[in-house]
Protein backbone atom coordinates (compact mmCIF):
# COMPACT_ATOMS: atom_id res chain seq x y z
CA MET A 1 -0.27 -0.29 0.11
CA ASN A 2 2.87 2.09 0.43
CA LYS A 3 3.18 2.62 -3.32
CA LEU A 4 -0.48 4.00 -3.80
CA ARG A 5 0.43 6.50 -0.84
CA ARG A 6 3.23 7.93 -2.71
CA LEU A 7 1.01 7.98 -5.90
CA PHE A 8 -1.13 9.74 -3.67
CA THR A 9 1.14 12.22 -2.31
CA ARG A 10 2.84 12.89 -5.47
CA ALA A 11 1.44 15.96 -7.11
CA ARG A 12 1.38 15.05 -10.60
CA PRO A 13 1.73 11.09 -10.86
CA GLU A 14 4.07 9.70 -14.02
CA SER A 15 1.89 8.56 -16.87
CA GLN A 16 3.15 5.19 -16.14
CA GLU A 17 2.18 4.96 -12.18
CA LEU A 18 -1.38 6.08 -13.47
CA ASN A 19 -1.41 3.60 -16.11
CA ILE A 20 -1.30 0.86 -13.02
CA LEU A 21 -4.30 2.77 -11.34
CA ARG A 22 -5.98 3.03 -13.91
CA GLY A 23 -5.36 -1.00 -13.53
CA MET A 24 -6.25 -1.50 -10.42
CA LEU A 25 -9.74 0.63 -10.98
CA ALA A 26 -10.96 -1.98 -13.74
CA SER A 27 -10.06 -4.87 -11.94
CA ILE A 28 -11.68 -3.79 -9.53
CA GLU A 29 -15.51 -3.14 -10.72
CA GLN A 30 -14.67 -6.02 -12.34
CA GLN A 31 -14.76 -8.23 -9.11
CA LYS A 32 -18.03 -6.40 -7.58
């Protein structure tokens, strides 16, 4: 979870990190 905290604490996350977040959100939505 530390990685997530780093992402949110950054004002401008990198595009790679944004893609990772999008993938995680997509997987979470699929589980619902």
